[in-house]
Amino acid sequence: MTIGQYAEFLNAVAKSDPNGLWTSQLGWDSTIAGIARGGADGSYVYTVTGPSGLKPAGASSPTDRPITYVSWFDAARFANWMANGQPTGAQGPGTTENGAYDLVGISTTFAPARNSVNPNTNAAPTFFLPTEDEWYKAAFYKGGGVNAGYWGFATQSDATPGNTIGGDANQANYFGVYQPGSAGYAVTHSPSYSSSQNYLTEVGAFTSSASAYGTFDQSGNVWEWNDYTGSAVTTSRGLRGGYWDTGSDADALSSGVRASAAPTTKSWQYGFRLADGSAASPAPGGVPEIDPAGFGSVLALVTGVLGLVERRRGTTGV
């Protein structure tokens, strides 16, 4: 999800913020964050702040860059809000605390399983965090049939991506100093890091590097939370995709690497996207249609249609 979408969420449900959906890093880390909070408890107002440093094409819009410093629980509450129709009001069972996930009175040590039924709608949740298999298939599946196989990167390629913003094929936002055509960070094309420079790119800035399903930035930009199987209560949750400061070998961007963290972790590396069970429908051959726009950068999937991935490359913990 983007900074602009998350700011809309905060303004709807965080006039008071008992669950800490906003964190101070969102206000002062202008390198990748971009949401300031003003006012007093009970009347907080959230404003998207501009990116710092250079503003090349693909990095100039703060609203359309991915949100960071969000925990798995923050992402689950955003999913609940979406599943409940984006209501306005205090954080509670009808806004953020139930819907796709029942978070009422839950210990933050354990991330809960996804609800099979949203108690606020008496139907299956329409928005939720994708399982790892759903995320994996949307990113790497080649399409064209049940046994089509999987790409090594979410750019429809087995070759290591470059990192040039724009219309070149097989590009991603990561630190690629040793890759052909790359010279460090994607935003600056310099190997030197500056604490006053934005390094995130807008959703879809690499216009010819979508997955086969039309999703952007599943390799690079930010690590994205996933929901493992969707039915397990665990003390950690999965992460996929790598991020903008990933090392020059690009391994973390590939289909063979998976990571995990405690669900309370808020990091400058971590963001998320949602699966949309209401907008997608099965296409010929049982492959779901993916809406690359939706609610901004929503990943639209149909639970049950994707099934399990047919194979995995070797995995490495990060």
C-alpha atoms as a PDB file:
ATOM      1  CA  MET A   1       0.000   0.000   0.000  1.00  0.00           C
ATOM      2  CA  THR A   2       1.111   3.562  -0.558  1.00  0.00           C
ATOM      3  CA  ILE A   3       1.895   6.441   1.772  1.00  0.00           C
ATOM      4  CA  GLY A   4      -1.192   8.269   0.539  1.00  0.00           C
ATOM      5  CA  GLN A   5      -3.465   5.291   1.182  1.00  0.00           C
ATOM      6  CA  TYR A   6      -2.066   4.791   4.661  1.00  0.00           C
ATOM      7  CA  ALA A   7      -2.539   8.495   5.474  1.00  0.00           C
ATOM      8  CA  GLU A   8      -6.186   8.185   4.392  1.00  0.00           C
ATOM      9  CA  PHE A   9      -6.521   5.200   6.735  1.00  0.00           C
ATOM     10  CA  LEU A  10      -4.990   7.112   9.658  1.00  0.00           C
ATOM     11  CA  ASN A  11      -7.252  10.109   9.143  1.00  0.00           C
ATOM     12  CA  ALA A  12     -10.265   7.775   9.164  1.00  0.00           C
ATOM     13  CA  VAL A  13      -9.483   5.733  12.296  1.00  0.00           C
ATOM     14  CA  ALA A  14      -6.615   7.313  14.241  1.00  0.00           C
ATOM     15  CA  LYS A  15      -7.892  10.608  15.654  1.00  0.00           C
ATOM     16  CA  SER A  16      -6.838   8.744  18.761  1.00  0.00           C
ATOM     17  CA  ASP A  17      -4.347   5.969  18.143  1.00  0.00           C
ATOM     18  CA  PRO A  18      -4.395   3.359  20.935  1.00  0.00           C
ATOM     19  CA  ASN A  19      -2.876   0.692  18.691  1.00  0.00           C
ATOM     20  CA  GLY A  20       0.028   2.791  17.467  1.00  0.00           C
ATOM     21  CA  LEU A  21      -0.834   2.708  13.764  1.00  0.00           C
ATOM     22  CA  TRP A  22       1.347   5.792  13.317  1.00  0.00           C
ATOM     23  CA  THR A  23       4.938   5.782  14.542  1.00  0.00           C
ATOM     24  CA  SER A  24       7.299   8.718  14.926  1.00  0.00           C
ATOM     25  CA  GLN A  25       9.630   7.402  12.218  1.00  0.00           C
ATOM     26  CA  LEU A  26       6.907   8.122   9.680  1.00  0.00           C
ATOM     27  CA  GLY A  27       7.300  11.764  10.586  1.00  0.00           C
ATOM     28  CA  TRP A  28      11.060  12.224  10.735  1.00  0.00           C
ATOM     29  CA  ASP A  29      12.587   9.643   8.380  1.00  0.00           C
ATOM     30  CA  SER A  30      12.134  11.577   5.138  1.00  0.00           C
ATOM     31  CA  THR A  31      14.434   9.156   3.309  1.00  0.00           C
ATOM     32  CA  ILE A  32      11.607   6.643   2.937  1.00  0.00           C
ATOM     33  CA  ALA A  33       8.682   7.630   5.188  1.00  0.00           C
ATOM     34  CA  GLY A  34       6.402  10.598   4.672  1.00  0.00           C
ATOM     35  CA  ILE A  35       3.445  11.047   7.072  1.00  0.00           C
ATOM     36  CA  ALA A  36       3.446  13.837   9.656  1.00  0.00           C
ATOM     37  CA  ARG A  37       1.016  13.929  12.606  1.00  0.00           C
ATOM     38  CA  GLY A  38      -0.385  17.141  14.034  1.00  0.00           C
ATOM     39  CA  GLY A  39      -2.919  18.075  16.690  1.00  0.00           C
ATOM     40  CA  ALA A  40      -3.668  16.414  20.019  1.00  0.00           C
ATOM     41  CA  ASP A  41      -4.948  13.000  21.047  1.00  0.00           C
ATOM     42  CA  GLY A  42      -8.568  12.814  19.970  1.00  0.00           C
ATOM     43  CA  SER A  43      -8.085  15.188  17.052  1.00  0.00           C
ATOM     44  CA  TYR A  44      -4.909  13.976  15.333  1.00  0.00           C
ATOM     45  CA  VAL A  45      -4.495  14.937  11.686  1.00  0.00           C
ATOM     46  CA  TYR A  46      -2.117  13.137   9.308  1.00  0.00           C
ATOM     47  CA  THR A  47      -0.446  14.777   6.325  1.00  0.00           C
ATOM     48  CA  VAL A  48       1.676  13.271   3.558  1.00  0.00           C
ATOM     49  CA  THR A  49       5.063  14.973   3.477  1.00  0.00           C
ATOM     50  CA  GLY A  50       7.207  15.450   0.394  1.00  0.00           C
ATOM     51  CA  PRO A  51      10.273  13.346  -0.409  1.00  0.00           C
ATOM     52  CA  SER A  52      13.658  14.705   0.522  1.00  0.00           C
ATOM     53  CA  GLY A  53      16.636  15.156  -1.770  1.00  0.00           C
ATOM     54  CA  LEU A  54      16.531  14.595  -5.493  1.00  0.00           C
ATOM     55  CA  LYS A  55      13.225  14.031  -7.276  1.00  0.00           C
ATOM     56  CA  PRO A  56      13.900  12.136 -10.507  1.00  0.00           C
ATOM     57  CA  ALA A  57      11.055  10.675 -12.538  1.00  0.00           C
ATOM     58  CA  GLY A  58       9.540   7.821 -10.553  1.00  0.00           C
ATOM     59  CA  ALA A  59      10.521   9.162  -7.138  1.00  0.00           C
ATOM     60  CA  SER A  60       8.872  12.575  -7.033  1.00  0.00           C
ATOM     61  CA  SER A  61       5.463  11.717  -5.593  1.00  0.00           C
ATOM     62  CA  PRO A  62       5.269  11.067  -1.851  1.00  0.00           C
ATOM     63  CA  THR A  63       1.659   9.898  -2.102  1.00  0.00           C
ATOM     64  CA  ASP A  64       2.392   7.046  -4.490  1.00  0.00           C
ATOM     65  CA  ARG A  65       5.471   5.618  -2.792  1.00  0.00           C
ATOM     66  CA  PRO A  66       5.015   2.473  -0.640  1.00  0.00           C
ATOM     67  CA  ILE A  67       4.309   2.826   3.056  1.00  0.00           C
ATOM     68  CA  THR A  68       6.996   1.600   5.472  1.00  0.00           C
ATOM     69  CA  TYR A  69       7.419   1.357   9.261  1.00  0.00           C
ATOM     70  CA  VAL A  70       4.299  -0.808   9.441  1.00  0.00           C
ATOM     71  CA  SER A  71       4.070  -4.030  11.419  1.00  0.00           C
ATOM     72  CA  TRP A  72       2.094  -7.096  10.377  1.00  0.00           C
ATOM     73  CA  PHE A  73      -0.545  -5.999  12.902  1.00  0.00           C
ATOM     74  CA  ASP A  74      -0.734  -2.545  11.275  1.00  0.00           C
ATOM     75  CA  ALA A  75      -1.221  -4.241   7.910  1.00  0.00           C
ATOM     76  CA  ALA A  76      -3.913  -6.537   9.354  1.00  0.00           C
ATOM     77  CA  ARG A  77      -5.779  -3.534  10.777  1.00  0.00           C
ATOM     78  CA  PHE A  78      -5.599  -1.824   7.396  1.00  0.00           C
ATOM     79  CA  ALA A  79      -7.002  -5.021   5.846  1.00  0.00           C
ATOM     80  CA  ASN A  80      -9.840  -5.007   8.397  1.00  0.00           C
ATOM     81  CA  TRP A  81     -10.611  -1.380   7.577  1.00  0.00           C
ATOM     82  CA  MET A  82     -10.754  -2.188   3.868  1.00  0.00           C
ATOM     83  CA  ALA A  83     -12.828  -5.331   4.427  1.00  0.00           C
ATOM     84  CA  ASN A  84     -15.278  -3.256   6.488  1.00  0.00           C
ATOM     85  CA  GLY A  85     -15.779  -0.673   3.741  1.00  0.00           C
ATOM     86  CA  GLN A  86     -13.272   1.986   4.885  1.00  0.00           C
ATOM     87  CA  PRO A  87     -15.367   3.329   7.772  1.00  0.00           C
ATOM     88  CA  THR A  88     -14.554   6.417   9.809  1.00  0.00           C
ATOM     89  CA  GLY A  89     -14.411   6.159  13.592  1.00  0.00           C
ATOM     90  CA  ALA A  90     -12.481   4.981  16.613  1.00  0.00           C
ATOM     91  CA  GLN A  91     -10.388   1.829  16.416  1.00  0.00           C
ATOM     92  CA  GLY A  92     -12.774  -0.957  17.363  1.00  0.00           C
ATOM     93  CA  PRO A  93     -14.450  -4.175  16.130  1.00  0.00           C
ATOM     94  CA  GLY A  94     -16.295  -2.386  13.325  1.00  0.00           C
ATOM     95  CA  THR A  95     -13.297  -0.489  11.969  1.00  0.00           C
ATOM     96  CA  THR A  96      -9.851  -2.001  12.626  1.00  0.00           C
ATOM     97  CA  GLU A  97     -10.148  -4.741  15.239  1.00  0.00           C
ATOM     98  CA  ASN A  98     -12.206  -7.293  13.348  1.00  0.00           C
ATOM     99  CA  GLY A  99     -13.062  -8.087   9.762  1.00  0.00           C
ATOM    100  CA  ALA A 100     -10.415 -10.098   7.958  1.00  0.00           C
ATOM    101  CA  TYR A 101      -8.662 -10.764  11.303  1.00  0.00           C
ATOM    102  CA  ASP A 102     -10.025 -10.891  14.838  1.00  0.00           C
ATOM    103  CA  LEU A 103      -7.658  -8.686  16.843  1.00  0.00           C
ATOM    104  CA  VAL A 104      -9.978  -7.955  19.762  1.00  0.00           C
ATOM    105  CA  GLY A 105      -8.060  -8.512  22.988  1.00  0.00           C
ATOM    106  CA  ILE A 106      -5.374 -10.531  21.231  1.00  0.00           C
ATOM    107  CA  SER A 107      -1.828 -10.898  22.493  1.00  0.00           C
ATOM    108  CA  THR A 108       0.591  -9.244  20.085  1.00  0.00           C
ATOM    109  CA  THR A 109       2.937 -12.196  20.566  1.00  0.00           C
ATOM    110  CA  PHE A 110       0.775 -14.277  18.217  1.00  0.00           C
ATOM    111  CA  ALA A 111      -0.493 -13.281  14.798  1.00  0.00           C
ATOM    112  CA  PRO A 112      -4.002 -14.729  14.343  1.00  0.00           C
ATOM    113  CA  ALA A 113      -5.340 -16.764  11.467  1.00  0.00           C
ATOM    114  CA  ARG A 114      -7.515 -15.080   8.869  1.00  0.00           C
ATOM    115  CA  ASN A 115     -11.264 -15.137   9.530  1.00  0.00           C
ATOM    116  CA  SER A 116     -13.252 -17.378   7.222  1.00  0.00           C
ATOM    117  CA  VAL A 117     -16.191 -14.987   7.715  1.00  0.00           C
ATOM    118  CA  ASN A 118     -16.059 -11.246   8.396  1.00  0.00           C
ATOM    119  CA  PRO A 119     -18.435 -10.816  11.365  1.00  0.00           C
ATOM    120  CA  ASN A 120     -19.267  -7.291  10.184  1.00  0.00           C
ATOM    121  CA  THR A 121     -20.532  -8.439   6.784  1.00  0.00           C
ATOM    122  CA  ASN A 122     -21.363 -12.135   7.391  1.00  0.00           C
ATOM    123  CA  ALA A 123     -19.381 -12.946   4.245  1.00  0.00           C
ATOM    124  CA  ALA A 124     -15.837 -13.971   3.450  1.00  0.00           C
ATOM    125  CA  PRO A 125     -13.368 -11.084   3.941  1.00  0.00           C
ATOM    126  CA  THR A 126     -12.989  -9.087   0.753  1.00  0.00           C
ATOM    127  CA  PHE A 127      -9.521  -7.746   1.601  1.00  0.00           C
ATOM    128  CA  PHE A 128      -6.734  -9.549   3.424  1.00  0.00           C
ATOM    129  CA  LEU A 129      -2.996 -10.116   3.421  1.00  0.00           C
ATOM    130  CA  PRO A 130      -2.063 -12.677   0.763  1.00  0.00           C
ATOM    131  CA  THR A 131      -0.728 -16.019   1.845  1.00  0.00           C
ATOM    132  CA  GLU A 132       2.857 -16.671   0.851  1.00  0.00           C
ATOM    133  CA  ASP A 133       1.690 -18.956  -1.953  1.00  0.00           C
ATOM    134  CA  GLU A 134      -0.713 -16.313  -3.283  1.00  0.00           C
ATOM    135  CA  TRP A 135       1.986 -13.646  -3.126  1.00  0.00           C
ATOM    136  CA  TYR A 136       4.504 -16.004  -4.779  1.00  0.00           C
ATOM    137  CA  LYS A 137       2.245 -16.975  -7.643  1.00  0.00           C
ATOM    138  CA  ALA A 138       1.195 -13.394  -8.414  1.00  0.00           C
ATOM    139  CA  ALA A 139       4.877 -12.402  -8.482  1.00  0.00           C
ATOM    140  CA  PHE A 140       6.608 -15.259 -10.286  1.00  0.00           C
ATOM    141  CA  TYR A 141       4.089 -17.418 -12.170  1.00  0.00           C
ATOM    142  CA  LYS A 142       4.607 -17.430 -15.941  1.00  0.00           C
ATOM    143  CA  GLY A 143       0.923 -17.928 -16.737  1.00  0.00           C
ATOM    144  CA  GLY A 144      -0.409 -19.793 -19.729  1.00  0.00           C
ATOM    145  CA  GLY A 145      -1.434 -23.015 -18.018  1.00  0.00           C
ATOM    146  CA  VAL A 146      -1.159 -25.120 -14.909  1.00  0.00           C
ATOM    147  CA  ASN A 147       2.415 -26.248 -15.569  1.00  0.00           C
ATOM    148  CA  ALA A 148       3.835 -23.039 -17.045  1.00  0.00           C
ATOM    149  CA  GLY A 149       6.431 -22.684 -14.301  1.00  0.00           C
ATOM    150  CA  TYR A 150       7.861 -19.698 -12.448  1.00  0.00           C
ATOM    151  CA  TRP A 151      10.218 -16.849 -13.221  1.00  0.00           C
ATOM    152  CA  GLY A 152      13.238 -16.150 -11.030  1.00  0.00           C
ATOM    153  CA  PHE A 153      12.179 -12.519 -10.559  1.00  0.00           C
ATOM    154  CA  ALA A 154       8.816 -10.736 -10.484  1.00  0.00           C
ATOM    155  CA  THR A 155       9.794  -8.883 -13.655  1.00  0.00           C
ATOM    156  CA  GLN A 156       9.075 -11.874 -15.939  1.00  0.00           C
ATOM    157  CA  SER A 157      12.752 -12.751 -16.133  1.00  0.00           C
ATOM    158  CA  ASP A 158      15.294 -15.254 -14.847  1.00  0.00           C
ATOM    159  CA  ALA A 159      18.092 -12.724 -15.377  1.00  0.00           C
ATOM    160  CA  THR A 160      19.148 -10.371 -12.591  1.00  0.00           C
ATOM    161  CA  PRO A 161      17.209  -7.089 -13.023  1.00  0.00           C
ATOM    162  CA  GLY A 162      18.767  -3.729 -13.732  1.00  0.00           C
ATOM    163  CA  ASN A 163      17.639  -0.698 -11.750  1.00  0.00           C
ATOM    164  CA  THR A 164      16.912   2.070 -14.240  1.00  0.00           C
ATOM    165  CA  ILE A 165      13.613   3.866 -13.609  1.00  0.00           C
ATOM    166  CA  GLY A 166      11.383   4.058 -16.667  1.00  0.00           C
ATOM    167  CA  GLY A 167      10.371   1.845 -19.562  1.00  0.00           C
ATOM    168  CA  ASP A 168      13.238  -0.641 -19.861  1.00  0.00           C
ATOM    169  CA  ALA A 169      12.274  -4.262 -19.271  1.00  0.00           C
ATOM    170  CA  ASN A 170      13.441  -6.265 -16.223  1.00  0.00           C
ATOM    171  CA  GLN A 171      14.169  -3.395 -13.832  1.00  0.00           C
ATOM    172  CA  ALA A 172      13.628  -3.044 -10.071  1.00  0.00           C
ATOM    173  CA  ASN A 173      14.383  -0.707  -7.182  1.00  0.00           C
ATOM    174  CA  TYR A 174      17.454  -2.092  -5.423  1.00  0.00           C
ATOM    175  CA  PHE A 175      21.143  -1.333  -4.952  1.00  0.00           C
ATOM    176  CA  GLY A 176      22.700  -2.682  -8.135  1.00  0.00           C
ATOM    177  CA  VAL A 177      26.166  -1.243  -8.350  1.00  0.00           C
ATOM    178  CA  TYR A 178      27.686  -4.287 -10.029  1.00  0.00           C
ATOM    179  CA  GLN A 179      24.886  -4.924 -12.515  1.00  0.00           C
ATOM    180  CA  PRO A 180      25.201  -3.843 -16.178  1.00  0.00           C
ATOM    181  CA  GLY A 181      23.673  -0.414 -16.662  1.00  0.00           C
ATOM    182  CA  SER A 182      23.474   0.194 -12.913  1.00  0.00           C
ATOM    183  CA  ALA A 183      25.501   2.516 -10.748  1.00  0.00           C
ATOM    184  CA  GLY A 184      24.242   2.079  -7.202  1.00  0.00           C
ATOM    185  CA  TYR A 185      20.813   3.128  -5.972  1.00  0.00           C
ATOM    186  CA  ALA A 186      17.961   3.144  -8.462  1.00  0.00           C
ATOM    187  CA  VAL A 187      16.804   6.664  -7.555  1.00  0.00           C
ATOM    188  CA  THR A 188      20.179   8.391  -7.778  1.00  0.00           C
ATOM    189  CA  HIS A 189      22.328   5.922  -9.757  1.00  0.00           C
ATOM    190  CA  SER A 190      25.088   6.649  -7.297  1.00  0.00           C
ATOM    191  CA  PRO A 191      26.703   4.151  -4.905  1.00  0.00           C
ATOM    192  CA  SER A 192      26.882   6.818  -2.188  1.00  0.00           C
ATOM    193  CA  TYR A 193      24.127   6.853   0.433  1.00  0.00           C
ATOM    194  CA  SER A 194      22.678  10.167   1.641  1.00  0.00           C
ATOM    195  CA  SER A 195      20.511  10.429   4.746  1.00  0.00           C
ATOM    196  CA  SER A 196      18.649  13.359   3.163  1.00  0.00           C
ATOM    197  CA  GLN A 197      17.674  11.570  -0.044  1.00  0.00           C
ATOM    198  CA  ASN A 198      14.481   9.636  -0.798  1.00  0.00           C
ATOM    199  CA  TYR A 199      15.173   6.119  -2.104  1.00  0.00           C
ATOM    200  CA  LEU A 200      11.676   4.740  -2.693  1.00  0.00           C
ATOM    201  CA  THR A 201      10.086   4.748  -6.133  1.00  0.00           C
ATOM    202  CA  GLU A 202       6.465   5.287  -7.058  1.00  0.00           C
ATOM    203  CA  VAL A 203       4.266   2.260  -7.559  1.00  0.00           C
ATOM    204  CA  GLY A 204       4.723   1.174 -11.172  1.00  0.00           C
ATOM    205  CA  ALA A 205       7.724   3.435 -11.866  1.00  0.00           C
ATOM    206  CA  PHE A 206       9.375   0.547 -13.746  1.00  0.00           C
ATOM    207  CA  THR A 207       6.670   0.567 -16.373  1.00  0.00           C
ATOM    208  CA  SER A 208       7.817  -2.468 -18.401  1.00  0.00           C
ATOM    209  CA  SER A 209       8.692  -4.672 -15.438  1.00  0.00           C
ATOM    210  CA  ALA A 210       5.344  -5.962 -14.227  1.00  0.00           C
ATOM    211  CA  SER A 211       4.727  -9.591 -13.339  1.00  0.00           C
ATOM    212  CA  ALA A 212       2.773 -11.790 -15.740  1.00  0.00           C
ATOM    213  CA  TYR A 213      -0.372 -10.830 -13.802  1.00  0.00           C
ATOM    214  CA  GLY A 214       0.326  -7.093 -14.119  1.00  0.00           C
ATOM    215  CA  THR A 215       1.525  -6.408 -10.570  1.00  0.00           C
ATOM    216  CA  PHE A 216       4.458  -4.046 -10.031  1.00  0.00           C
ATOM    217  CA  ASP A 217       7.325  -3.898  -7.538  1.00  0.00           C
ATOM    218  CA  GLN A 218       7.111  -7.408  -6.143  1.00  0.00           C
ATOM    219  CA  SER A 219      10.861  -7.526  -6.644  1.00  0.00           C
ATOM    220  CA  GLY A 220      12.498  -4.586  -4.864  1.00  0.00           C
ATOM    221  CA  ASN A 221      11.292  -1.292  -3.336  1.00  0.00           C
ATOM    222  CA  VAL A 222      10.174  -2.750   0.045  1.00  0.00           C
ATOM    223  CA  TRP A 223       9.866  -6.177   1.648  1.00  0.00           C
ATOM    224  CA  GLU A 224       6.176  -7.073   1.857  1.00  0.00           C
ATOM    225  CA  TRP A 225       4.395  -8.874   4.668  1.00  0.00           C
ATOM    226  CA  ASN A 226       2.522 -12.063   3.824  1.00  0.00           C
ATOM    227  CA  ASP A 227       0.230 -14.313   5.812  1.00  0.00           C
ATOM    228  CA  TYR A 228       2.030 -17.669   5.491  1.00  0.00           C
ATOM    229  CA  THR A 229      -0.869 -20.093   4.991  1.00  0.00           C
ATOM    230  CA  GLY A 230      -3.617 -17.774   6.229  1.00  0.00           C
ATOM    231  CA  SER A 231      -4.828 -20.377   8.712  1.00  0.00           C
ATOM    232  CA  ALA A 232      -1.971 -20.574  11.214  1.00  0.00           C
ATOM    233  CA  VAL A 233      -1.492 -18.743  14.522  1.00  0.00           C
ATOM    234  CA  THR A 234       2.241 -18.035  14.755  1.00  0.00           C
ATOM    235  CA  THR A 235       4.830 -15.844  16.461  1.00  0.00           C
ATOM    236  CA  SER A 236       6.211 -14.676  13.106  1.00  0.00           C
ATOM    237  CA  ARG A 237       4.931 -13.706   9.687  1.00  0.00           C
ATOM    238  CA  GLY A 238       6.515 -13.946   6.260  1.00  0.00           C
ATOM    239  CA  LEU A 239       8.216 -11.324   4.094  1.00  0.00           C
ATOM    240  CA  ARG A 240       8.989 -11.434   0.389  1.00  0.00           C
ATOM    241  CA  GLY A 241      10.514  -9.365  -2.397  1.00  0.00           C
ATOM    242  CA  GLY A 242      13.635  -7.599  -1.119  1.00  0.00           C
ATOM    243  CA  TYR A 243      13.973  -3.818  -0.851  1.00  0.00           C
ATOM    244  CA  TRP A 244      15.709  -0.731  -2.258  1.00  0.00           C
ATOM    245  CA  ASP A 245      18.985  -1.222  -0.347  1.00  0.00           C
ATOM    246  CA  THR A 246      19.256  -4.950  -1.087  1.00  0.00           C
ATOM    247  CA  GLY A 247      22.835  -5.984  -1.941  1.00  0.00           C
ATOM    248  CA  SER A 248      24.046  -5.880  -5.495  1.00  0.00           C
ATOM    249  CA  ASP A 249      23.658  -9.615  -6.133  1.00  0.00           C
ATOM    250  CA  ALA A 250      19.853  -9.112  -5.999  1.00  0.00           C
ATOM    251  CA  ASP A 251      19.307 -12.509  -4.354  1.00  0.00           C
ATOM    252  CA  ALA A 252      16.689 -11.122  -1.961  1.00  0.00           C
ATOM    253  CA  LEU A 253      14.544 -10.015  -4.908  1.00  0.00           C
ATOM    254  CA  SER A 254      14.359 -13.529  -6.302  1.00  0.00           C
ATOM    255  CA  SER A 255      11.776 -16.281  -5.986  1.00  0.00           C
ATOM    256  CA  GLY A 256      14.248 -18.385  -3.991  1.00  0.00           C
ATOM    257  CA  VAL A 257      14.467 -16.123  -0.939  1.00  0.00           C
ATOM    258  CA  ARG A 258      11.949 -15.788   1.867  1.00  0.00           C
ATOM    259  CA  ALA A 259      12.219 -13.955   5.182  1.00  0.00           C
ATOM    260  CA  SER A 260      10.209 -13.625   8.380  1.00  0.00           C
ATOM    261  CA  ALA A 261       9.914 -11.353  11.405  1.00  0.00           C
ATOM    262  CA  ALA A 262       7.895 -10.940  14.582  1.00  0.00           C
ATOM    263  CA  PRO A 263       4.486  -9.510  13.645  1.00  0.00           C
ATOM    264  CA  THR A 264       5.059  -6.434  15.827  1.00  0.00           C
ATOM    265  CA  THR A 265       8.203  -5.409  13.914  1.00  0.00           C
ATOM    266  CA  LYS A 266       8.130  -1.950  12.290  1.00  0.00           C
ATOM    267  CA  SER A 267      10.986  -1.438   9.860  1.00  0.00           C
ATOM    268  CA  TRP A 268      12.082   1.033   7.214  1.00  0.00           C
ATOM    269  CA  GLN A 269      12.413  -2.042   4.971  1.00  0.00           C
ATOM    270  CA  TYR A 270       8.873  -3.410   5.423  1.00  0.00           C
ATOM    271  CA  GLY A 271       5.607  -2.582   3.690  1.00  0.00           C
ATOM    272  CA  PHE A 272       2.632  -4.613   2.428  1.00  0.00           C
ATOM    273  CA  ARG A 273      -0.003  -5.099  -0.251  1.00  0.00           C
ATOM    274  CA  LEU A 274      -3.451  -6.622   0.043  1.00  0.00           C
ATOM    275  CA  ALA A 275      -5.246  -9.393  -1.771  1.00  0.00           C
ATOM    276  CA  ASP A 276      -8.654  -8.341  -3.058  1.00  0.00           C
ATOM    277  CA  GLY A 277     -11.113 -11.207  -3.033  1.00  0.00           C
ATOM    278  CA  SER A 278     -13.953  -9.041  -4.307  1.00  0.00           C
ATOM    279  CA  ALA A 279     -12.422  -7.573  -7.472  1.00  0.00           C
ATOM    280  CA  ALA A 280     -10.795 -10.625  -9.032  1.00  0.00           C
ATOM    281  CA  SER A 281     -12.454 -13.388 -10.982  1.00  0.00           C
ATOM    282  CA  PRO A 282     -11.142 -16.593 -12.521  1.00  0.00           C
ATOM    283  CA  ALA A 283      -9.831 -16.206 -16.044  1.00  0.00           C
ATOM    284  CA  PRO A 284      -9.660 -19.015 -18.618  1.00  0.00           C
ATOM    285  CA  GLY A 285      -7.539 -21.863 -17.366  1.00  0.00           C
ATOM    286  CA  GLY A 286      -8.237 -21.053 -13.707  1.00  0.00           C
ATOM    287  CA  VAL A 287      -5.744 -18.183 -13.537  1.00  0.00           C
ATOM    288  CA  PRO A 288      -7.039 -15.185 -11.578  1.00  0.00           C
ATOM    289  CA  GLU A 289      -7.237 -11.758 -13.143  1.00  0.00           C
ATOM    290  CA  ILE A 290      -4.934  -9.338 -11.343  1.00  0.00           C
ATOM    291  CA  ASP A 291      -5.933  -5.704 -11.014  1.00  0.00           C
ATOM    292  CA  PRO A 292      -2.653  -3.731 -10.812  1.00  0.00           C
ATOM    293  CA  ALA A 293      -4.544  -0.608  -9.824  1.00  0.00           C
ATOM    294  CA  GLY A 294      -7.466  -1.481  -7.555  1.00  0.00           C
ATOM    295  CA  PHE A 295      -7.067   0.614  -4.417  1.00  0.00           C
ATOM    296  CA  GLY A 296      -3.742   1.973  -5.635  1.00  0.00           C
ATOM    297  CA  SER A 297      -1.238  -0.850  -5.381  1.00  0.00           C
ATOM    298  CA  VAL A 298      -3.681  -3.546  -4.258  1.00  0.00           C
ATOM    299  CA  LEU A 299      -2.753  -7.061  -5.343  1.00  0.00           C
ATOM    300  CA  ALA A 300      -6.060  -8.588  -6.418  1.00  0.00           C
ATOM    301  CA  LEU A 301      -6.302 -12.338  -5.922  1.00  0.00           C
ATOM    302  CA  VAL A 302      -8.994 -14.950  -5.500  1.00  0.00           C
ATOM    303  CA  THR A 303      -8.451 -17.203  -2.526  1.00  0.00           C
ATOM    304  CA  GLY A 304      -8.768 -20.808  -3.548  1.00  0.00           C
ATOM    305  CA  VAL A 305      -8.202 -20.178  -7.246  1.00  0.00           C
ATOM    306  CA  LEU A 306      -4.473 -19.768  -6.883  1.00  0.00           C
ATOM    307  CA  GLY A 307      -3.936 -22.948  -4.946  1.00  0.00           C
ATOM    308  CA  LEU A 308      -0.444 -23.977  -3.936  1.00  0.00           C
ATOM    309  CA  VAL A 309       2.643 -23.094  -5.913  1.00  0.00           C
ATOM    310  CA  GLU A 310       3.742 -26.025  -8.007  1.00  0.00           C
ATOM    311  CA  ARG A 311       7.407 -25.816  -7.120  1.00  0.00           C
ATOM    312  CA  ARG A 312       9.832 -23.661  -5.171  1.00  0.00           C
ATOM    313  CA  ARG A 313      13.429 -22.824  -5.819  1.00  0.00           C
ATOM    314  CA  GLY A 314      15.869 -23.275  -2.950  1.00  0.00           C
ATOM    315  CA  THR A 315      15.064 -20.960  -0.061  1.00  0.00           C
ATOM    316  CA  THR A 316      17.341 -18.903   2.119  1.00  0.00           C
ATOM    317  CA  GLY A 317      16.488 -17.186   5.365  1.00  0.00           C
ATOM    318  CA  VAL A 318      17.156 -13.453   5.541  1.00  0.00           C
END
